[in-house]
Amino acid sequence: MEEEKKRMEADKRDQEIVYSKALKAGKRIYYLDVKRNRKDELFLAITESKKKFVGDESQVSFEKHKIFLYKEDFEKFRAGMDEVINYINNSGNGAIESKQEDEASNRFEIDFG
């Protein structure tokens, strides 16, 4: 009984959000949630939530995708993201155009340190 109680408390703590940031981007919302694992270590849960209309568009549902990023992977993830973003920004193929008028307010930084 006591072991089950400890496991349930640990599972509940896994669901606890220590810090959260929501980023709205068109029809999508990105949630950056800092959570604590069973070993009391912090990790980042990134959730993409996209609104979907069902049937005659009178019903709305949300499609969600999650990734979990652990502290030991932060630097590799950041380096990979920087490389990919630089490639896209410097590609000049017109696939992605930046919006100059509101560029500063759309930027965000994540401090993995």
N, C-alpha and C. Protein backbone atom coordinates (compact mmCIF):
# COMPACT_ATOMS: atom_id res chain seq x y z
N MET A 1 0.82 -1.20 0.00
CA MET A 1 0.00 0.00 0.00
C MET A 1 0.87 1.26 0.00
N GLU A 2 1.88 1.27 0.86
CA GLU A 2 2.78 2.43 0.96
C GLU A 2 3.57 2.63 -0.34
N GLU A 3 3.98 1.53 -0.95
CA GLU A 3 4.72 1.60 -2.22
C GLU A 3 3.85 2.20 -3.33
N GLU A 4 2.59 1.79 -3.36
CA GLU A 4 1.64 2.31 -4.35
C GLU A 4 1.43 3.81 -4.15
N LYS A 5 1.33 4.23 -2.92
CA LYS A 5 1.14 5.65 -2.60
C LYS A 5 2.34 6.47 -3.07
N LYS A 6 3.55 5.96 -2.85
CA LYS A 6 4.77 6.65 -3.30
C LYS A 6 4.80 6.76 -4.82
N ARG A 7 4.40 5.69 -5.51
CA ARG A 7 4.39 5.70 -6.97
C ARG A 7 3.38 6.71 -7.50
N MET A 8 2.21 6.78 -6.87
CA MET A 8 1.19 7.73 -7.29
C MET A 8 1.66 9.17 -7.07
N GLU A 9 2.34 9.43 -5.96
CA GLU A 9 2.87 10.77 -5.69
C GLU A 9 3.94 11.13 -6.72
N ALA A 10 4.78 10.17 -7.09
CA ALA A 10 5.82 10.42 -8.10
C ALA A 10 5.18 10.69 -9.46
N ASP A 11 4.13 9.94 -9.80
CA ASP A 11 3.43 10.17 -11.07
C ASP A 11 2.78 11.55 -11.08
N LYS A 12 2.22 11.95 -9.96
CA LYS A 12 1.60 13.28 -9.86
C LYS A 12 2.64 14.36 -10.03
N ARG A 13 3.83 14.16 -9.44
CA ARG A 13 4.90 15.15 -9.55
C ARG A 13 5.37 15.25 -11.00
N ASP A 14 5.35 14.13 -11.75
CA ASP A 14 5.72 14.16 -13.17
C ASP A 14 4.79 15.06 -13.96
N GLN A 15 3.56 15.19 -13.51
CA GLN A 15 2.58 16.04 -14.19
C GLN A 15 2.69 17.49 -13.77
N GLU A 16 3.41 17.77 -12.70
CA GLU A 16 3.53 19.12 -12.18
C GLU A 16 4.35 20.00 -13.11
N ILE A 17 3.79 21.14 -13.45
CA ILE A 17 4.51 22.10 -14.28
C ILE A 17 5.14 23.14 -13.35
N VAL A 18 6.46 23.23 -13.40
CA VAL A 18 7.21 24.15 -12.55
C VAL A 18 7.20 25.56 -13.14
N TYR A 19 7.28 25.63 -14.47
CA TYR A 19 7.30 26.91 -15.19
C TYR A 19 6.74 26.65 -16.58
N SER A 20 6.01 27.62 -17.13
CA SER A 20 5.41 27.42 -18.44
C SER A 20 5.42 28.71 -19.24
N LYS A 21 5.56 28.56 -20.55
CA LYS A 21 5.51 29.68 -21.49
C LYS A 21 4.71 29.22 -22.69
N ALA A 22 3.69 30.00 -23.08
CA ALA A 22 2.88 29.68 -24.26
C ALA A 22 3.23 30.66 -25.37
N LEU A 23 3.42 30.13 -26.58
CA LEU A 23 3.76 30.94 -27.75
C LEU A 23 2.70 30.73 -28.81
N LYS A 24 1.94 31.76 -29.12
CA LYS A 24 0.90 31.66 -30.15
C LYS A 24 1.52 31.96 -31.50
N ALA A 25 1.23 31.08 -32.47
CA ALA A 25 1.78 31.23 -33.82
C ALA A 25 0.72 30.79 -34.81
N GLY A 26 -0.12 31.73 -35.24
CA GLY A 26 -1.17 31.40 -36.19
C GLY A 26 -2.19 30.45 -35.58
N LYS A 27 -2.41 29.31 -36.24
CA LYS A 27 -3.36 28.31 -35.75
C LYS A 27 -2.75 27.38 -34.70
N ARG A 28 -1.50 27.59 -34.41
CA ARG A 28 -0.81 26.72 -33.47
C ARG A 28 -0.46 27.48 -32.20
N ILE A 29 -0.35 26.71 -31.12
CA ILE A 29 0.18 27.24 -29.87
C ILE A 29 1.27 26.27 -29.43
N TYR A 30 2.42 26.81 -29.07
CA TYR A 30 3.52 26.01 -28.56
C TYR A 30 3.62 26.26 -27.06
N TYR A 31 3.63 25.18 -26.30
CA TYR A 31 3.78 25.27 -24.85
C TYR A 31 5.16 24.76 -24.49
N LEU A 32 5.90 25.57 -23.77
CA LEU A 32 7.21 25.19 -23.25
C LEU A 32 7.04 25.02 -21.75
N ASP A 33 6.97 23.78 -21.30
CA ASP A 33 6.70 23.48 -19.90
C ASP A 33 7.93 22.86 -19.24
N VAL A 34 8.35 23.46 -18.14
CA VAL A 34 9.42 22.88 -17.34
C VAL A 34 8.75 21.98 -16.31
N LYS A 35 9.15 20.71 -16.30
CA LYS A 35 8.58 19.74 -15.37
C LYS A 35 9.70 19.09 -14.57
N ARG A 36 9.30 18.35 -13.54
CA ARG A 36 10.25 17.67 -12.66
C ARG A 36 10.00 16.17 -12.78
N ASN A 37 11.07 15.38 -12.98
CA ASN A 37 10.89 13.93 -13.09
C ASN A 37 10.95 13.27 -11.72
N ARG A 38 10.88 11.96 -11.71
CA ARG A 38 10.86 11.21 -10.45
C ARG A 38 12.15 11.35 -9.66
N LYS A 39 13.24 11.64 -10.35
CA LYS A 39 14.53 11.84 -9.68
C LYS A 39 14.72 13.28 -9.23
N ASP A 40 13.65 14.07 -9.33
CA ASP A 40 13.64 15.48 -8.94
C ASP A 40 14.49 16.35 -9.86
N GLU A 41 14.70 15.89 -11.11
CA GLU A 41 15.44 16.65 -12.11
C GLU A 41 14.46 17.38 -13.02
N LEU A 42 14.85 18.57 -13.46
CA LEU A 42 13.99 19.35 -14.36
C LEU A 42 14.21 18.94 -15.81
N PHE A 43 13.15 18.98 -16.60
CA PHE A 43 13.25 18.74 -18.04
C PHE A 43 12.24 19.63 -18.75
N LEU A 44 12.41 19.75 -20.07
CA LEU A 44 11.54 20.60 -20.88
C LEU A 44 10.59 19.73 -21.69
N ALA A 45 9.30 20.01 -21.58
CA ALA A 45 8.28 19.35 -22.41
C ALA A 45 7.77 20.40 -23.39
N ILE A 46 7.93 20.13 -24.68
CA ILE A 46 7.47 21.04 -25.72
C ILE A 46 6.24 20.42 -26.36
N THR A 47 5.14 21.17 -26.35
CA THR A 47 3.88 20.67 -26.92
C THR A 47 3.41 21.61 -28.01
N GLU A 48 3.12 21.04 -29.17
CA GLU A 48 2.49 21.79 -30.26
C GLU A 48 1.02 21.43 -30.23
N SER A 49 0.16 22.44 -30.15
CA SER A 49 -1.28 22.24 -30.16
C SER A 49 -1.85 22.95 -31.38
N LYS A 50 -2.55 22.19 -32.22
CA LYS A 50 -3.11 22.75 -33.45
C LYS A 50 -4.61 22.51 -33.48
N LYS A 51 -5.36 23.58 -33.74
CA LYS A 51 -6.82 23.49 -33.79
C LYS A 51 -7.25 22.76 -35.06
N LYS A 52 -8.14 21.79 -34.90
CA LYS A 52 -8.70 21.03 -36.02
C LYS A 52 -10.21 21.12 -35.96
N PHE A 53 -10.83 21.32 -37.12
CA PHE A 53 -12.28 21.34 -37.21
C PHE A 53 -12.75 19.97 -37.65
N VAL A 54 -13.81 19.48 -37.01
CA VAL A 54 -14.32 18.15 -37.28
C VAL A 54 -15.68 18.25 -37.97
N GLY A 55 -15.88 17.45 -38.99
CA GLY A 55 -17.17 17.39 -39.67
C GLY A 55 -17.57 18.70 -40.31
N ASP A 56 -18.70 19.23 -39.89
CA ASP A 56 -19.24 20.46 -40.48
C ASP A 56 -18.62 21.71 -39.85
N GLU A 57 -17.49 21.55 -39.24
CA GLU A 57 -16.73 22.63 -38.60
C GLU A 57 -17.45 23.22 -37.39
N SER A 58 -18.47 22.54 -36.88
CA SER A 58 -19.12 23.01 -35.66
C SER A 58 -18.43 22.45 -34.42
N GLN A 59 -17.62 21.40 -34.63
CA GLN A 59 -16.87 20.82 -33.52
C GLN A 59 -15.39 21.09 -33.72
N VAL A 60 -14.74 21.43 -32.63
CA VAL A 60 -13.31 21.73 -32.67
C VAL A 60 -12.58 20.74 -31.78
N SER A 61 -11.47 20.24 -32.28
CA SER A 61 -10.59 19.40 -31.46
C SER A 61 -9.17 19.93 -31.61
N PHE A 62 -8.30 19.45 -30.78
CA PHE A 62 -6.91 19.90 -30.82
C PHE A 62 -6.00 18.70 -31.02
N GLU A 63 -5.13 18.82 -32.00
CA GLU A 63 -4.13 17.79 -32.27
C GLU A 63 -2.87 18.22 -31.52
N LYS A 64 -2.33 17.32 -30.71
CA LYS A 64 -1.16 17.68 -29.91
C LYS A 64 0.00 16.74 -30.19
N HIS A 65 1.19 17.33 -30.24
CA HIS A 65 2.43 16.57 -30.38
C HIS A 65 3.39 17.04 -29.30
N LYS A 66 4.09 16.09 -28.68
CA LYS A 66 4.99 16.44 -27.59
C LYS A 66 6.38 15.88 -27.83
N ILE A 67 7.36 16.63 -27.36
CA ILE A 67 8.72 16.10 -27.25
C ILE A 67 9.24 16.48 -25.86
N PHE A 68 10.11 15.65 -25.35
CA PHE A 68 10.70 15.89 -24.05
C PHE A 68 12.19 16.08 -24.23
N LEU A 69 12.71 17.12 -23.64
CA LEU A 69 14.11 17.46 -23.80
C LEU A 69 14.75 17.53 -22.42
N TYR A 70 15.81 16.74 -22.25
CA TYR A 70 16.46 16.64 -20.95
C TYR A 70 17.74 17.48 -20.92
N LYS A 71 18.10 17.91 -19.74
CA LYS A 71 19.19 18.86 -19.54
C LYS A 71 20.48 18.45 -20.26
N GLU A 72 20.80 17.17 -20.24
CA GLU A 72 22.05 16.72 -20.87
C GLU A 72 22.04 16.90 -22.38
N ASP A 73 20.87 17.15 -22.97
CA ASP A 73 20.75 17.31 -24.42
C ASP A 73 20.56 18.77 -24.85
N PHE A 74 20.46 19.71 -23.91
CA PHE A 74 20.16 21.10 -24.23
C PHE A 74 21.15 21.71 -25.23
N GLU A 75 22.43 21.55 -24.99
CA GLU A 75 23.44 22.18 -25.86
C GLU A 75 23.38 21.63 -27.28
N LYS A 76 23.26 20.32 -27.42
CA LYS A 76 23.17 19.72 -28.76
C LYS A 76 21.89 20.18 -29.47
N PHE A 77 20.80 20.25 -28.73
CA PHE A 77 19.53 20.69 -29.30
C PHE A 77 19.63 22.15 -29.74
N ARG A 78 20.19 22.99 -28.88
CA ARG A 78 20.34 24.41 -29.22
C ARG A 78 21.24 24.58 -30.43
N ALA A 79 22.35 23.87 -30.49
CA ALA A 79 23.27 23.97 -31.63
C ALA A 79 22.58 23.52 -32.92
N GLY A 80 21.82 22.44 -32.84
CA GLY A 80 21.09 21.95 -34.01
C GLY A 80 20.02 22.94 -34.46
N MET A 81 19.28 23.51 -33.51
CA MET A 81 18.26 24.50 -33.84
C MET A 81 18.90 25.73 -34.48
N ASP A 82 19.98 26.22 -33.91
CA ASP A 82 20.67 27.38 -34.48
C ASP A 82 21.12 27.11 -35.92
N GLU A 83 21.68 25.92 -36.14
CA GLU A 83 22.15 25.56 -37.48
C GLU A 83 20.99 25.53 -38.48
N VAL A 84 19.90 24.91 -38.11
CA VAL A 84 18.75 24.79 -39.01
C VAL A 84 18.11 26.16 -39.26
N ILE A 85 17.95 26.96 -38.22
CA ILE A 85 17.37 28.29 -38.38
C ILE A 85 18.25 29.16 -39.27
N ASN A 86 19.56 29.12 -39.07
CA ASN A 86 20.47 29.88 -39.93
C ASN A 86 20.38 29.42 -41.38
N TYR A 87 20.27 28.12 -41.59
CA TYR A 87 20.15 27.60 -42.95
C TYR A 87 18.88 28.17 -43.61
N ILE A 88 17.77 28.10 -42.89
CA ILE A 88 16.50 28.59 -43.44
C ILE A 88 16.58 30.09 -43.72
N ASN A 89 17.10 30.85 -42.76
CA ASN A 89 17.19 32.31 -42.92
C ASN A 89 18.12 32.72 -44.04
N ASN A 90 19.13 31.93 -44.33
CA ASN A 90 20.11 32.27 -45.35
C ASN A 90 19.87 31.58 -46.69
N SER A 91 18.80 30.79 -46.78
CA SER A 91 18.58 30.01 -48.00
C SER A 91 18.16 30.89 -49.18
N GLY A 92 17.43 31.97 -48.92
CA GLY A 92 17.05 32.89 -49.97
C GLY A 92 16.11 32.30 -51.00
N ASN A 93 15.49 31.15 -50.71
CA ASN A 93 14.60 30.54 -51.69
C ASN A 93 13.17 31.04 -51.58
N GLY A 94 12.90 31.93 -50.64
CA GLY A 94 11.57 32.51 -50.52
C GLY A 94 10.57 31.62 -49.82
N ALA A 95 10.99 30.46 -49.34
CA ALA A 95 10.06 29.56 -48.66
C ALA A 95 9.56 30.17 -47.36
N ILE A 96 10.44 30.86 -46.67
CA ILE A 96 10.05 31.51 -45.41
C ILE A 96 10.52 32.95 -45.47
N GLU A 97 9.61 33.87 -45.28
CA GLU A 97 9.95 35.27 -45.27
C GLU A 97 9.71 35.82 -43.89
N SER A 98 10.63 36.63 -43.38
CA SER A 98 10.45 37.21 -42.05
C SER A 98 9.58 38.44 -42.15
N LYS A 99 8.84 38.71 -41.11
CA LYS A 99 7.98 39.88 -41.04
C LYS A 99 8.72 40.95 -40.25
N GLN A 100 9.19 41.96 -40.94
CA GLN A 100 10.00 43.00 -40.32
C GLN A 100 9.23 43.83 -39.31
N GLU A 101 7.95 44.10 -39.56
CA GLU A 101 7.21 45.03 -38.71
C GLU A 101 7.02 44.54 -37.29
N ASP A 102 6.96 43.23 -37.07
CA ASP A 102 6.69 42.72 -35.73
C ASP A 102 7.75 41.71 -35.31
N GLU A 103 8.90 41.79 -35.90
CA GLU A 103 9.94 40.79 -35.67
C GLU A 103 10.39 40.74 -34.22
N ALA A 104 10.58 41.89 -33.60
CA ALA A 104 11.09 41.92 -32.23
C ALA A 104 10.12 41.27 -31.25
N SER A 105 8.83 41.45 -31.43
CA SER A 105 7.88 40.88 -30.48
C SER A 105 7.68 39.39 -30.67
N ASN A 106 8.08 38.84 -31.81
CA ASN A 106 7.92 37.41 -32.07
C ASN A 106 9.11 36.60 -31.61
N ARG A 107 10.18 37.24 -31.21
CA ARG A 107 11.38 36.53 -30.78
C ARG A 107 11.23 36.06 -29.35
N PHE A 108 11.84 34.92 -29.06
CA PHE A 108 11.89 34.46 -27.69
C PHE A 108 13.19 33.72 -27.50
N GLU A 109 13.68 33.72 -26.28
CA GLU A 109 14.91 33.02 -25.95
C GLU A 109 14.62 32.02 -24.85
N ILE A 110 15.26 30.88 -24.94
CA ILE A 110 15.17 29.89 -23.89
C ILE A 110 16.56 29.75 -23.31
N ASP A 111 16.69 29.99 -22.03
CA ASP A 111 17.98 29.85 -21.36
C ASP A 111 18.09 28.45 -20.80
N PHE A 112 18.91 27.62 -21.45
CA PHE A 112 19.09 26.25 -21.00
C PHE A 112 20.17 26.12 -19.93
N GLY A 113 20.78 27.22 -19.59
CA GLY A 113 21.88 27.19 -18.62
C GLY A 113 21.42 27.03 -17.27
